[in-house]
C-alpha atoms as a PDB file:
ATOM      1  CA  UNK A   1     177.497 114.337  72.880  1.00  0.00           C
ATOM      2  CA  UNK A   2     175.861 111.228  74.293  1.00  0.00           C
ATOM      3  CA  UNK A   3     172.187 112.025  74.941  1.00  0.00           C
ATOM      4  CA  UNK A   4     169.560 109.983  76.755  1.00  0.00           C
ATOM      5  CA  UNK A   5     166.045 110.539  75.389  1.00  0.00           C
ATOM      6  CA  UNK A   6     163.056 109.785  77.623  1.00  0.00           C
ATOM      7  CA  UNK A   7     159.365 110.588  77.803  1.00  0.00           C
ATOM      8  CA  UNK A   8     155.992 109.557  79.172  1.00  0.00           C
ATOM      9  CA  UNK A   9     157.304 108.709  82.632  1.00  0.00           C
ATOM     10  CA  UNK A  10     153.895 109.341  84.241  1.00  0.00           C
ATOM     11  CA  UNK A  11     155.405 109.590  87.708  1.00  0.00           C
ATOM     12  CA  UNK A  12     157.291 106.302  87.376  1.00  0.00           C
ATOM     13  CA  UNK A  13     160.972 107.193  87.275  1.00  0.00           C
ATOM     14  CA  UNK A  14     162.605 103.801  87.884  1.00  0.00           C
ATOM     15  CA  UNK A  15     163.314 103.375  84.170  1.00  0.00           C
ATOM     16  CA  UNK A  16     164.960 106.792  84.084  1.00  0.00           C
ATOM     17  CA  UNK A  17     167.299 106.060  86.994  1.00  0.00           C
ATOM     18  CA  UNK A  18     168.227 102.686  85.514  1.00  0.00           C
ATOM     19  CA  UNK A  19     168.939 104.216  82.100  1.00  0.00           C
ATOM     20  CA  UNK A  20     171.148 106.871  83.697  1.00  0.00           C
ATOM     21  CA  UNK A  21     173.216 104.184  85.413  1.00  0.00           C
ATOM     22  CA  UNK A  22     173.494 102.113  82.239  1.00  0.00           C
ATOM     23  CA  UNK A  23     174.092 104.820  79.642  1.00  0.00           C
ATOM     24  CA  UNK A  24     175.910 107.591  81.576  1.00  0.00           C
ATOM     25  CA  UNK A  25     174.745 110.381  79.249  1.00  0.00           C
ATOM     26  CA  UNK A  26     176.089 113.922  79.061  1.00  0.00           C
ATOM     27  CA  UNK A  27     172.543 115.267  78.630  1.00  0.00           C
ATOM     28  CA  UNK A  28     168.935 114.142  79.104  1.00  0.00           C
ATOM     29  CA  UNK A  29     166.205 115.267  76.713  1.00  0.00           C
ATOM     30  CA  UNK A  30     162.573 114.599  77.586  1.00  0.00           C
ATOM     31  CA  UNK A  31     159.475 114.907  75.399  1.00  0.00           C
ATOM     32  CA  UNK A  32     157.168 115.476  78.367  1.00  0.00           C
ATOM     33  CA  UNK A  33     154.716 113.703  80.660  1.00  0.00           C
ATOM     34  CA  UNK A  34     157.038 113.527  83.665  1.00  0.00           C
ATOM     35  CA  UNK A  35     153.937 113.093  85.825  1.00  0.00           C
ATOM     36  CA  UNK A  36     150.972 115.043  87.075  1.00  0.00           C
ATOM     37  CA  UNK A  37     151.138 117.329  90.140  1.00  0.00           C
ATOM     38  CA  UNK A  38     151.465 115.066  93.152  1.00  0.00           C
ATOM     39  CA  UNK A  39     153.278 112.396  91.136  1.00  0.00           C
ATOM     40  CA  UNK A  40     156.516 114.389  90.878  1.00  0.00           C
ATOM     41  CA  UNK A  41     158.439 116.556  93.332  1.00  0.00           C
ATOM     42  CA  UNK A  42     161.064 119.274  93.353  1.00  0.00           C
ATOM     43  CA  UNK A  43     163.329 116.951  95.345  1.00  0.00           C
ATOM     44  CA  UNK A  44     163.148 114.356  92.588  1.00  0.00           C
ATOM     45  CA  UNK A  45     164.073 116.865  89.917  1.00  0.00           C
ATOM     46  CA  UNK A  46     166.879 118.330  92.039  1.00  0.00           C
ATOM     47  CA  UNK A  47     168.332 114.861  92.500  1.00  0.00           C
ATOM     48  CA  UNK A  48     168.247 114.394  88.740  1.00  0.00           C
ATOM     49  CA  UNK A  49     169.745 117.804  87.986  1.00  0.00           C
ATOM     50  CA  UNK A  50     172.603 117.110  90.388  1.00  0.00           C
ATOM     51  CA  UNK A  51     173.616 114.288  88.054  1.00  0.00           C
ATOM     52  CA  UNK A  52     173.048 115.587  84.534  1.00  0.00           C
ATOM     53  CA  UNK A  53     171.665 118.582  82.619  1.00  0.00           C
ATOM     54  CA  UNK A  54     168.068 118.172  81.440  1.00  0.00           C
ATOM     55  CA  UNK A  55     165.959 119.916  78.824  1.00  0.00           C
ATOM     56  CA  UNK A  56     162.305 119.122  78.232  1.00  0.00           C
ATOM     57  CA  UNK A  57     158.987 120.164  76.781  1.00  0.00           C
ATOM     58  CA  UNK A  58     155.746 119.596  78.635  1.00  0.00           C
ATOM     59  CA  UNK A  59     152.960 117.252  77.623  1.00  0.00           C
ATOM     60  CA  UNK A  60     149.489 116.723  79.013  1.00  0.00           C
ATOM     61  CA  UNK A  61     150.644 115.057  82.257  1.00  0.00           C
ATOM     62  CA  UNK A  62     153.069 117.538  83.798  1.00  0.00           C
ATOM     63  CA  UNK A  63     153.364 119.887  86.756  1.00  0.00           C
ATOM     64  CA  UNK A  64     153.736 123.058  84.685  1.00  0.00           C
ATOM     65  CA  UNK A  65     154.249 125.347  87.678  1.00  0.00           C
ATOM     66  CA  UNK A  66     157.153 123.196  88.872  1.00  0.00           C
ATOM     67  CA  UNK A  67     158.778 122.722  85.467  1.00  0.00           C
ATOM     68  CA  UNK A  68     158.762 126.468  84.831  1.00  0.00           C
ATOM     69  CA  UNK A  69     160.907 127.089  87.932  1.00  0.00           C
ATOM     70  CA  UNK A  70     163.600 124.460  87.324  1.00  0.00           C
ATOM     71  CA  UNK A  71     167.110 125.364  86.215  1.00  0.00           C
ATOM     72  CA  UNK A  72     170.161 123.315  85.390  1.00  0.00           C
ATOM     73  CA  UNK A  73     173.293 123.852  87.433  1.00  0.00           C
ATOM     74  CA  UNK A  74     174.662 126.092  84.657  1.00  0.00           C
ATOM     75  CA  UNK A  75     171.590 128.339  84.923  1.00  0.00           C
ATOM     76  CA  UNK A  76     169.873 127.202  81.721  1.00  0.00           C
ATOM     77  CA  UNK A  77     166.126 126.513  81.906  1.00  0.00           C
ATOM     78  CA  UNK A  78     164.997 122.919  82.102  1.00  0.00           C
ATOM     79  CA  UNK A  79     161.748 123.714  80.281  1.00  0.00           C
ATOM     80  CA  UNK A  80     162.434 124.865  76.728  1.00  0.00           C
ATOM     81  CA  UNK A  81     160.555 128.119  76.031  1.00  0.00           C
ATOM     82  CA  UNK A  82     158.622 128.538  72.808  1.00  0.00           C
ATOM     83  CA  UNK A  83     160.468 130.165  69.939  1.00  0.00           C
ATOM     84  CA  UNK A  84     163.867 130.226  71.655  1.00  0.00           C
ATOM     85  CA  UNK A  85     166.900 128.228  70.536  1.00  0.00           C
ATOM     86  CA  UNK A  86     169.185 127.039  73.319  1.00  0.00           C
ATOM     87  CA  UNK A  87     172.777 126.297  72.321  1.00  0.00           C
ATOM     88  CA  UNK A  88     174.558 123.539  74.217  1.00  0.00           C
ATOM     89  CA  UNK A  89     178.091 122.935  72.936  1.00  0.00           C
ATOM     90  CA  UNK A  90     176.994 123.809  69.422  1.00  0.00           C
ATOM     91  CA  UNK A  91     173.912 121.560  69.553  1.00  0.00           C
ATOM     92  CA  UNK A  92     170.925 123.835  69.068  1.00  0.00           C
ATOM     93  CA  UNK A  93     167.770 122.790  70.937  1.00  0.00           C
ATOM     94  CA  UNK A  94     164.212 124.055  70.548  1.00  0.00           C
ATOM     95  CA  UNK A  95     160.824 122.917  71.759  1.00  0.00           C
ATOM     96  CA  UNK A  96     157.110 123.264  71.109  1.00  0.00           C
ATOM     97  CA  UNK A  97     155.167 122.449  74.261  1.00  0.00           C
ATOM     98  CA  UNK A  98     151.765 120.854  74.721  1.00  0.00           C
ATOM     99  CA  UNK A  99     149.368 118.700  72.722  1.00  0.00           C
ATOM    100  CA  UNK A 100     147.294 119.803  69.781  1.00  0.00           C
ATOM    101  CA  UNK A 101     143.727 120.967  70.405  1.00  0.00           C
ATOM    102  CA  UNK A 102     141.237 123.250  68.704  1.00  0.00           C
ATOM    103  CA  UNK A 103     141.321 125.726  71.591  1.00  0.00           C
ATOM    104  CA  UNK A 104     143.422 126.765  74.594  1.00  0.00           C
ATOM    105  CA  UNK A 105     140.789 125.500  77.047  1.00  0.00           C
ATOM    106  CA  UNK A 106     143.481 123.756  79.097  1.00  0.00           C
ATOM    107  CA  UNK A 107     147.035 124.966  79.880  1.00  0.00           C
ATOM    108  CA  UNK A 108     148.638 122.036  78.057  1.00  0.00           C
ATOM    109  CA  UNK A 109     146.671 122.579  74.840  1.00  0.00           C
ATOM    110  CA  UNK A 110     148.222 124.279  71.837  1.00  0.00           C
ATOM    111  CA  UNK A 111     146.453 125.156  68.609  1.00  0.00           C
ATOM    112  CA  UNK A 112     147.652 124.554  65.074  1.00  0.00           C
ATOM    113  CA  UNK A 113     147.961 128.313  64.590  1.00  0.00           C
ATOM    114  CA  UNK A 114     150.204 128.603  67.628  1.00  0.00           C
ATOM    115  CA  UNK A 115     152.388 125.712  66.470  1.00  0.00           C
ATOM    116  CA  UNK A 116     152.751 127.395  63.088  1.00  0.00           C
ATOM    117  CA  UNK A 117     153.733 130.716  64.671  1.00  0.00           C
ATOM    118  CA  UNK A 118     156.410 129.094  66.809  1.00  0.00           C
ATOM    119  CA  UNK A 119     157.740 127.166  63.796  1.00  0.00           C
ATOM    120  CA  UNK A 120     158.061 130.421  61.873  1.00  0.00           C
ATOM    121  CA  UNK A 121     160.151 131.852  64.724  1.00  0.00           C
ATOM    122  CA  UNK A 122     162.444 128.830  64.652  1.00  0.00           C
ATOM    123  CA  UNK A 123     162.790 128.572  60.874  1.00  0.00           C
ATOM    124  CA  UNK A 124     166.262 129.382  59.597  1.00  0.00           C
ATOM    125  CA  UNK A 125     167.828 129.154  63.058  1.00  0.00           C
ATOM    126  CA  UNK A 126     169.705 125.901  62.312  1.00  0.00           C
ATOM    127  CA  UNK A 127     167.910 123.901  64.984  1.00  0.00           C
ATOM    128  CA  UNK A 128     169.663 120.583  65.612  1.00  0.00           C
ATOM    129  CA  UNK A 129     166.970 118.997  67.781  1.00  0.00           C
ATOM    130  CA  UNK A 130     163.270 119.868  67.901  1.00  0.00           C
ATOM    131  CA  UNK A 131     161.312 118.466  70.850  1.00  0.00           C
ATOM    132  CA  UNK A 132     157.540 118.148  70.850  1.00  0.00           C
ATOM    133  CA  UNK A 133     155.187 116.003  72.896  1.00  0.00           C
ATOM    134  CA  UNK A 134     152.821 115.386  70.007  1.00  0.00           C
ATOM    135  CA  UNK A 135     154.099 113.801  66.799  1.00  0.00           C
ATOM    136  CA  UNK A 136     154.236 114.791  63.135  1.00  0.00           C
ATOM    137  CA  UNK A 137     151.579 112.873  61.250  1.00  0.00           C
ATOM    138  CA  UNK A 138     153.006 110.052  59.151  1.00  0.00           C
ATOM    139  CA  UNK A 139     156.409 110.150  60.867  1.00  0.00           C
ATOM    140  CA  UNK A 140     156.911 107.815  63.851  1.00  0.00           C
ATOM    141  CA  UNK A 141     153.273 108.368  64.843  1.00  0.00           C
ATOM    142  CA  UNK A 142     151.903 104.815  64.957  1.00  0.00           C
ATOM    143  CA  UNK A 143     149.698 104.088  67.971  1.00  0.00           C
ATOM    144  CA  UNK A 144     149.521 100.765  69.847  1.00  0.00           C
ATOM    145  CA  UNK A 145     146.378 100.023  67.794  1.00  0.00           C
ATOM    146  CA  UNK A 146     148.287 100.490  64.528  1.00  0.00           C
ATOM    147  CA  UNK A 147     146.583 103.759  63.571  1.00  0.00           C
ATOM    148  CA  UNK A 148     148.296 107.103  62.961  1.00  0.00           C
ATOM    149  CA  UNK A 149     148.095 109.468  65.936  1.00  0.00           C
ATOM    150  CA  UNK A 150     150.177 112.424  64.810  1.00  0.00           C
ATOM    151  CA  UNK A 151     149.055 115.906  63.829  1.00  0.00           C
ATOM    152  CA  UNK A 152     149.617 117.830  60.631  1.00  0.00           C
ATOM    153  CA  UNK A 153     150.671 120.982  62.505  1.00  0.00           C
ATOM    154  CA  UNK A 154     153.702 119.142  63.929  1.00  0.00           C
ATOM    155  CA  UNK A 155     154.558 117.774  60.480  1.00  0.00           C
ATOM    156  CA  UNK A 156     154.453 121.300  59.076  1.00  0.00           C
ATOM    157  CA  UNK A 157     156.636 122.482  61.959  1.00  0.00           C
ATOM    158  CA  UNK A 158     159.148 119.735  61.176  1.00  0.00           C
ATOM    159  CA  UNK A 159     159.217 120.782  57.542  1.00  0.00           C
ATOM    160  CA  UNK A 160     159.628 124.458  58.369  1.00  0.00           C
ATOM    161  CA  UNK A 161     162.215 124.154  61.164  1.00  0.00           C
ATOM    162  CA  UNK A 162     164.180 121.379  59.407  1.00  0.00           C
ATOM    163  CA  UNK A 163     165.885 119.913  62.501  1.00  0.00           C
ATOM    164  CA  UNK A 164     168.378 117.081  62.171  1.00  0.00           C
ATOM    165  CA  UNK A 165     166.380 115.262  64.846  1.00  0.00           C
ATOM    166  CA  UNK A 166     162.726 115.547  65.869  1.00  0.00           C
ATOM    167  CA  UNK A 167     161.869 113.914  69.196  1.00  0.00           C
ATOM    168  CA  UNK A 168     158.278 113.191  70.216  1.00  0.00           C
ATOM    169  CA  UNK A 169     156.161 110.938  72.439  1.00  0.00           C
ATOM    170  CA  UNK A 170     152.554 110.894  73.669  1.00  0.00           C
ATOM    171  CA  UNK A 171     151.449 107.874  71.604  1.00  0.00           C
ATOM    172  CA  UNK A 172     152.950 105.200  73.880  1.00  0.00           C
ATOM    173  CA  UNK A 173     154.653 103.286  71.076  1.00  0.00           C
ATOM    174  CA  UNK A 174     158.450 103.461  70.570  1.00  0.00           C
ATOM    175  CA  UNK A 175     159.518 103.895  66.964  1.00  0.00           C
ATOM    176  CA  UNK A 176     162.116 105.657  64.855  1.00  0.00           C
ATOM    177  CA  UNK A 177     162.390 106.711  61.254  1.00  0.00           C
ATOM    178  CA  UNK A 178     165.284 108.111  59.248  1.00  0.00           C
ATOM    179  CA  UNK A 179     164.358 110.072  56.137  1.00  0.00           C
ATOM    180  CA  UNK A 180     166.270 110.168  52.855  1.00  0.00           C
ATOM    181  CA  UNK A 181     167.517 113.588  53.936  1.00  0.00           C
ATOM    182  CA  UNK A 182     169.301 111.936  56.862  1.00  0.00           C
ATOM    183  CA  UNK A 183     166.939 113.514  59.390  1.00  0.00           C
ATOM    184  CA  UNK A 184     165.627 111.380  62.232  1.00  0.00           C
ATOM    185  CA  UNK A 185     162.181 111.324  63.842  1.00  0.00           C
ATOM    186  CA  UNK A 186     162.167 109.326  67.082  1.00  0.00           C
ATOM    187  CA  UNK A 187     159.172 108.554  69.258  1.00  0.00           C
ATOM    188  CA  UNK A 188     160.795 107.418  72.472  1.00  0.00           C
ATOM    189  CA  UNK A 189     157.837 105.404  73.753  1.00  0.00           C
ATOM    190  CA  UNK A 190     157.044 104.959  77.452  1.00  0.00           C
ATOM    191  CA  UNK A 191     159.938 105.402  79.870  1.00  0.00           C
ATOM    192  CA  UNK A 192     157.523 104.436  82.666  1.00  0.00           C
ATOM    193  CA  UNK A 193     157.806 100.928  81.157  1.00  0.00           C
ATOM    194  CA  UNK A 194     161.532 101.177  80.427  1.00  0.00           C
ATOM    195  CA  UNK A 195     161.599 102.654  76.915  1.00  0.00           C
ATOM    196  CA  UNK A 196     164.368 105.108  76.047  1.00  0.00           C
ATOM    197  CA  UNK A 197     166.748 106.035  73.249  1.00  0.00           C
ATOM    198  CA  UNK A 198     170.416 106.948  73.196  1.00  0.00           C
ATOM    199  CA  UNK A 199     171.587 109.353  70.528  1.00  0.00           C
ATOM    200  CA  UNK A 200     174.983 110.784  69.689  1.00  0.00           C
ATOM    201  CA  UNK A 201     174.491 114.403  68.664  1.00  0.00           C
ATOM    202  CA  UNK A 202     177.009 116.843  67.218  1.00  0.00           C
ATOM    203  CA  UNK A 203     176.279 120.177  65.529  1.00  0.00           C
ATOM    204  CA  UNK A 204     176.524 118.456  62.141  1.00  0.00           C
ATOM    205  CA  UNK A 205     175.360 114.864  62.707  1.00  0.00           C
ATOM    206  CA  UNK A 206     172.831 112.734  64.604  1.00  0.00           C
ATOM    207  CA  UNK A 207     173.386 109.020  65.174  1.00  0.00           C
ATOM    208  CA  UNK A 208     170.858 106.733  66.842  1.00  0.00           C
ATOM    209  CA  UNK A 209     172.990 104.477  69.031  1.00  0.00           C
ATOM    210  CA  UNK A 210     170.188 102.377  70.503  1.00  0.00           C
ATOM    211  CA  UNK A 211     166.475 102.322  71.171  1.00  0.00           C
ATOM    212  CA  UNK A 212     165.347 100.226  74.126  1.00  0.00           C
ATOM    213  CA  UNK A 213     161.701  99.143  73.837  1.00  0.00           C
ATOM    214  CA  UNK A 214     160.471  96.852  76.665  1.00  0.00           C
ATOM    215  CA  UNK A 215     156.975  98.380  76.476  1.00  0.00           C
ATOM    216  CA  UNK A 216     156.403  96.452  73.236  1.00  0.00           C
ATOM    217  CA  UNK A 217     156.633  93.236  75.266  1.00  0.00           C
ATOM    218  CA  UNK A 218     154.823  94.469  78.387  1.00  0.00           C
ATOM    219  CA  UNK A 219     151.785  92.662  79.710  1.00  0.00           C
ATOM    220  CA  UNK A 220     148.525  94.673  79.694  1.00  0.00           C
ATOM    221  CA  UNK A 221     148.687  95.016  83.482  1.00  0.00           C
ATOM    222  CA  UNK A 222     151.887  97.058  83.169  1.00  0.00           C
ATOM    223  CA  UNK A 223     149.941  99.827  81.468  1.00  0.00           C
ATOM    224  CA  UNK A 224     147.503 100.347  84.298  1.00  0.00           C
ATOM    225  CA  UNK A 225     147.505 103.910  85.579  1.00  0.00           C
ATOM    226  CA  UNK A 226     149.374 105.387  82.625  1.00  0.00           C
END
């Protein structure tokens, strides 16, 4: 299955539409930050869903009320619910939504304890792809400043769920890492600036076909408003 991976669109969808035309995927997976309320619309999502199935987690810049109501044309939810594995042609998808925080003070916050509980639900369920907005610390979690921006709770979730592919975003720096086990961790980068990845996924194998990274060459002015 040819899959387009996007994230951190922040209301700027031109890179998404261009990638769809270029790559012609069978599925779109998104690691969140489609855009805040007012930056995205139901019409925009419906136009997208008319073209291709989509599954996503939410980040810290998303219209949660809208995402929760969206369905693909086959009736599957666009927003992946916590603790549930969705099977698409033998490829098993799961997501952990939100960004790490010490409390649930905001709707898009998730605590380390909650991440751990969801990971326990998913363990042993042969998850092919795990989507999170935040990143596992030490794995594809470099920030534009060169520091590590991941969280240990997502690393522990990766270790417990053992997906073939872990997709993340949030840090605004595209990167990918393949472990000795053959597992991939891919931070897609900033699709608002044209970043995306294309992955071939089967129930037994994940192959990174390409990672497009124009944000690494973008002028500082391109980042304004993100």
